[in-house]
Amino acid sequence: MLYHPPPLAPLARILLSAAAAIAPLAGITACSDSEAAPSATRRAQFDERLPTHDQLEAALTAARNTDNGGFNLDMWGAVVDRNGIVVAVAFTGAKEGDQWQGSRVISAQKANTANAFSLPQLALSSANLYAPTQPGGTLFGLQESNPVDPAVAYGGNAADYGTEKDFMVGKRIGGINVFGGGVALYASDGTLLGGLGVSGDASCADHNIAWKTRFNLGLDHVPAGVSTPPAFDNIIYDIDSTGTSASGFGHPECSDAATAISQALPTDFPIGHSTVASATGSH
């Protein structure tokens, strides 16, 4: 004979029903707490010499508000650490959308490029990679080698893009970009900390803004590069009418104004300066 348990008393049934109703809510609360981890907790995984969101935003804004030879547009900026993990994403302008929206991911892509192809003893900016990645160049195909992770690039709440809660922060973005706007970040002791990427204007202006932003952050103690010292990883304009770069690391010119500003960068914003005149304070 099958055993049939006696029916639950009315109070027991009520208590079980209440517990069943509360359990999903507890799960939702736990998920919410996990997803909304304090920014300080996420920040703890990064080298403290790398900029915070607010420091990046201030340095980027100061650089964008100078003459850069472009269209005078608002910008996106991103920083990755040495492991290619996004540390911070910021923008200039009154609100998100005042910039080219596609430039958010491009800025992170440029930061990844500068970090991935720089070494403790040799820095390459994304601008330095233009000529060698063209057909027939020594690095042709490089730009296809490390694709952006679309789940990281486009995940999360779009309302958080460019804030401390940007979905890219704390994740590896990937991507290779071979025009101006990406530079490696070096601490005063020569440590290669990661990369900075800037996007939102003509590529030559992007480079100028990236260089100035790095200067403002005090993370420009570059050891060497493919450009003649003291330029090191500065953009090189040496592509002739046949498309040949004399150095092998050239970049197309965008405007006479941008070229003049670029060529003056090592003098006006010298690499490895001893006094950090930063928009965000000394580091």
Foldseek 3Di string as FASTA:
>chain_A
DDDDDDDDDPVVVVVVVVVVVVVVVVVVVVVVCVLCPPLVVLLVVADPLDDALVQLQLLLQVLLPDDQPWDSAKKKKWWAWLVQATAAIAIDDDAPPSFPNVRRLVFSQQQQAQSVPADLQATAHLLLQQLQCPVVHVNPPVQVPKQFDVCQVPDDDPRCGRHSSRSRHGHRGIGHHRFAFKTWFAALVSDGTTIMGMDGIPRLSNNSSNLSSSLQSRRQQHNAYLDPPPLGRQAAAAQDPVRDRPSSRHHHDDDPSNVVSSVCCCPVRNGSDPDRPHSVDDD
